[in-house]
C-alpha cells in the first residue's frame, strides 16, 4: 500500500503546533525548488500559507484545508 502524500503533509504541519516547538514554519519543495511554506500562528490558532510561485499568502483555521492547498501547490 502506498503512503498517503496528504498524510505526510499533515504530519509535518502538525509538528508546528507542538507547544515547545521553536520553529513554527515548514517549507515544502517540488523537484528541489521551494514552492510554499506554512507557518502556524498559535496566538490566533491560524495557519499562514505562503505560495512562492503565485506570490500569494493565505490564512486557514483548519489543518486539513491548508494541507490540501499545499498538496495542490506541490
N, C-alpha and C. Protein backbone atom coordinates (compact mmCIF):
# COMPACT_ATOMS: atom_id res chain seq x y z
N UNK A 1 0.84 -1.18 0.00
CA UNK A 1 0.00 0.00 0.00
C UNK A 1 0.89 1.25 0.00
N UNK A 2 0.57 2.19 -0.85
CA UNK A 2 1.35 3.42 -0.98
C UNK A 2 1.08 4.36 0.18
N UNK A 3 2.10 5.13 0.54
CA UNK A 3 1.94 6.14 1.58
C UNK A 3 1.11 7.30 1.05
N UNK A 4 0.30 7.86 1.91
CA UNK A 4 -0.52 9.00 1.55
C UNK A 4 0.31 10.27 1.61
N UNK A 5 0.39 10.99 0.50
CA UNK A 5 1.11 12.26 0.47
C UNK A 5 0.43 13.29 1.37
N UNK A 6 -0.90 13.26 1.40
CA UNK A 6 -1.64 14.21 2.23
C UNK A 6 -1.35 13.96 3.71
N UNK A 7 -1.27 12.70 4.08
CA UNK A 7 -0.97 12.35 5.47
C UNK A 7 0.42 12.84 5.86
N UNK A 8 1.39 12.73 4.95
CA UNK A 8 2.75 13.22 5.20
C UNK A 8 2.75 14.73 5.40
N UNK A 9 1.99 15.44 4.57
CA UNK A 9 1.91 16.90 4.68
C UNK A 9 1.30 17.29 6.02
N UNK A 10 0.20 16.64 6.39
CA UNK A 10 -0.46 16.93 7.67
C UNK A 10 0.48 16.68 8.83
N UNK A 11 1.22 15.58 8.77
CA UNK A 11 2.16 15.24 9.83
C UNK A 11 3.21 16.34 10.01
N UNK A 12 3.74 16.85 8.92
CA UNK A 12 4.73 17.92 9.00
C UNK A 12 4.13 19.20 9.57
N UNK A 13 2.91 19.52 9.16
CA UNK A 13 2.25 20.73 9.66
C UNK A 13 1.91 20.59 11.14
N UNK A 14 1.49 19.40 11.57
CA UNK A 14 1.14 19.17 12.98
C UNK A 14 2.33 19.44 13.90
N UNK A 15 3.53 19.18 13.42
CA UNK A 15 4.72 19.41 14.24
C UNK A 15 4.90 20.88 14.59
N UNK A 16 4.33 21.78 13.80
CA UNK A 16 4.44 23.21 14.11
C UNK A 16 3.54 23.60 15.27
N UNK A 17 2.59 22.74 15.62
CA UNK A 17 1.61 23.05 16.65
C UNK A 17 2.05 22.59 18.04
N UNK A 18 3.16 21.86 18.14
CA UNK A 18 3.65 21.38 19.43
C UNK A 18 4.10 22.57 20.27
N UNK A 19 3.67 22.60 21.55
CA UNK A 19 3.92 23.75 22.41
C UNK A 19 5.38 24.17 22.51
N UNK A 20 6.30 23.22 22.59
CA UNK A 20 7.70 23.57 22.77
C UNK A 20 8.48 23.65 21.45
N UNK A 21 7.77 23.70 20.34
CA UNK A 21 8.41 23.78 19.02
C UNK A 21 8.85 25.21 18.74
N UNK A 22 10.17 25.46 18.63
CA UNK A 22 10.64 26.83 18.36
C UNK A 22 10.43 27.26 16.90
N UNK A 23 10.43 26.29 15.98
CA UNK A 23 10.27 26.61 14.55
C UNK A 23 8.83 26.31 14.14
N UNK A 24 8.05 27.33 13.95
CA UNK A 24 6.63 27.18 13.61
C UNK A 24 6.39 27.14 12.10
N UNK A 25 7.45 27.09 11.30
CA UNK A 25 7.32 27.12 9.84
C UNK A 25 7.86 25.84 9.24
N UNK A 26 7.13 25.32 8.23
CA UNK A 26 7.58 24.18 7.45
C UNK A 26 7.59 24.59 5.99
N UNK A 27 8.69 24.27 5.31
CA UNK A 27 8.87 24.59 3.90
C UNK A 27 8.62 23.34 3.07
N UNK A 28 8.01 23.53 1.90
CA UNK A 28 7.70 22.42 1.01
C UNK A 28 8.31 22.71 -0.35
N UNK A 29 8.95 21.68 -0.93
CA UNK A 29 9.64 21.84 -2.21
C UNK A 29 9.17 20.79 -3.20
N UNK A 30 9.27 21.15 -4.47
CA UNK A 30 8.96 20.25 -5.57
C UNK A 30 10.14 20.25 -6.53
N UNK A 31 10.70 19.07 -6.76
CA UNK A 31 11.87 18.93 -7.63
C UNK A 31 13.02 19.84 -7.20
N UNK A 32 13.20 19.94 -5.88
CA UNK A 32 14.29 20.73 -5.32
C UNK A 32 14.05 22.22 -5.22
N UNK A 33 12.90 22.67 -5.70
CA UNK A 33 12.57 24.11 -5.65
C UNK A 33 11.51 24.35 -4.58
N UNK A 34 11.81 25.26 -3.65
CA UNK A 34 10.85 25.59 -2.61
C UNK A 34 9.65 26.31 -3.23
N UNK A 35 8.46 25.74 -3.01
CA UNK A 35 7.26 26.30 -3.64
C UNK A 35 6.30 26.96 -2.65
N UNK A 36 6.38 26.55 -1.37
CA UNK A 36 5.50 27.17 -0.39
C UNK A 36 6.01 26.91 1.02
N UNK A 37 5.44 27.65 1.97
CA UNK A 37 5.77 27.49 3.38
C UNK A 37 4.51 27.68 4.20
N UNK A 38 4.40 26.91 5.28
CA UNK A 38 3.26 27.03 6.19
C UNK A 38 3.79 27.41 7.56
N UNK A 39 3.21 28.45 8.13
CA UNK A 39 3.58 28.92 9.47
C UNK A 39 2.35 28.85 10.36
N UNK A 40 2.52 28.20 11.52
CA UNK A 40 1.43 28.15 12.49
C UNK A 40 1.55 29.35 13.42
N UNK A 41 0.43 30.05 13.62
CA UNK A 41 0.37 31.21 14.49
C UNK A 41 -0.49 30.85 15.70
N UNK A 42 0.14 30.38 16.80
CA UNK A 42 -0.63 29.86 17.94
C UNK A 42 -1.53 30.89 18.62
N UNK A 43 -1.12 32.15 18.63
CA UNK A 43 -1.95 33.16 19.29
C UNK A 43 -3.31 33.35 18.61
N UNK A 44 -3.37 33.12 17.29
CA UNK A 44 -4.63 33.21 16.55
C UNK A 44 -5.19 31.83 16.19
N UNK A 45 -4.40 30.78 16.43
CA UNK A 45 -4.76 29.42 16.03
C UNK A 45 -5.03 29.36 14.52
N UNK A 46 -4.11 29.98 13.75
CA UNK A 46 -4.23 30.04 12.30
C UNK A 46 -2.96 29.52 11.63
N UNK A 47 -3.13 29.07 10.40
CA UNK A 47 -2.02 28.67 9.56
C UNK A 47 -1.88 29.69 8.43
N UNK A 48 -0.67 30.17 8.24
CA UNK A 48 -0.41 31.10 7.13
C UNK A 48 0.35 30.33 6.06
N UNK A 49 -0.19 30.31 4.86
CA UNK A 49 0.43 29.62 3.73
C UNK A 49 0.97 30.66 2.78
N UNK A 50 2.26 30.57 2.49
CA UNK A 50 2.90 31.45 1.50
C UNK A 50 3.16 30.63 0.25
N UNK A 51 2.51 31.00 -0.83
CA UNK A 51 2.68 30.35 -2.13
C UNK A 51 3.70 31.18 -2.92
N UNK A 52 4.92 30.67 -3.01
CA UNK A 52 6.00 31.43 -3.64
C UNK A 52 5.83 31.54 -5.15
N UNK A 53 5.25 30.53 -5.76
CA UNK A 53 5.08 30.53 -7.21
C UNK A 53 4.12 31.64 -7.65
N UNK A 54 3.01 31.75 -6.95
CA UNK A 54 1.99 32.75 -7.31
C UNK A 54 2.09 34.03 -6.49
N UNK A 55 3.06 34.09 -5.60
CA UNK A 55 3.27 35.24 -4.74
C UNK A 55 1.99 35.65 -4.01
N UNK A 56 1.37 34.65 -3.37
CA UNK A 56 0.12 34.85 -2.62
C UNK A 56 0.31 34.35 -1.20
N UNK A 57 -0.44 34.93 -0.28
CA UNK A 57 -0.46 34.49 1.11
C UNK A 57 -1.91 34.22 1.50
N UNK A 58 -2.13 33.08 2.14
CA UNK A 58 -3.47 32.68 2.56
C UNK A 58 -3.45 32.33 4.04
N UNK A 59 -4.60 32.45 4.69
CA UNK A 59 -4.75 32.03 6.08
C UNK A 59 -5.85 31.00 6.17
N UNK A 60 -5.59 29.98 7.01
CA UNK A 60 -6.55 28.90 7.22
C UNK A 60 -6.69 28.65 8.71
N UNK A 61 -7.90 28.26 9.12
CA UNK A 61 -8.10 27.87 10.51
C UNK A 61 -8.31 26.36 10.64
N UNK A 62 -8.08 25.64 9.55
CA UNK A 62 -8.29 24.19 9.52
C UNK A 62 -7.06 23.52 8.90
N UNK A 63 -6.46 22.59 9.62
CA UNK A 63 -5.24 21.93 9.14
C UNK A 63 -5.49 21.14 7.86
N UNK A 64 -6.67 20.57 7.72
CA UNK A 64 -6.98 19.79 6.52
C UNK A 64 -7.00 20.69 5.28
N UNK A 65 -7.57 21.86 5.42
CA UNK A 65 -7.65 22.78 4.27
C UNK A 65 -6.28 23.28 3.84
N UNK A 66 -5.43 23.61 4.82
CA UNK A 66 -4.09 24.06 4.46
C UNK A 66 -3.28 22.93 3.83
N UNK A 67 -3.46 21.71 4.32
CA UNK A 67 -2.75 20.55 3.77
C UNK A 67 -3.19 20.29 2.32
N UNK A 68 -4.46 20.42 2.06
CA UNK A 68 -4.97 20.22 0.70
C UNK A 68 -4.38 21.28 -0.23
N UNK A 69 -4.30 22.51 0.23
CA UNK A 69 -3.73 23.59 -0.58
C UNK A 69 -2.25 23.33 -0.87
N UNK A 70 -1.49 22.88 0.14
CA UNK A 70 -0.09 22.53 -0.06
C UNK A 70 0.01 21.42 -1.10
N UNK A 71 -0.81 20.41 -0.97
CA UNK A 71 -0.82 19.29 -1.90
C UNK A 71 -1.05 19.78 -3.34
N UNK A 72 -2.00 20.68 -3.50
CA UNK A 72 -2.30 21.20 -4.84
C UNK A 72 -1.13 22.03 -5.39
N UNK A 73 -0.45 22.77 -4.55
CA UNK A 73 0.70 23.55 -5.00
C UNK A 73 1.84 22.64 -5.42
N UNK A 74 2.03 21.57 -4.65
CA UNK A 74 3.11 20.63 -4.98
C UNK A 74 2.80 19.91 -6.28
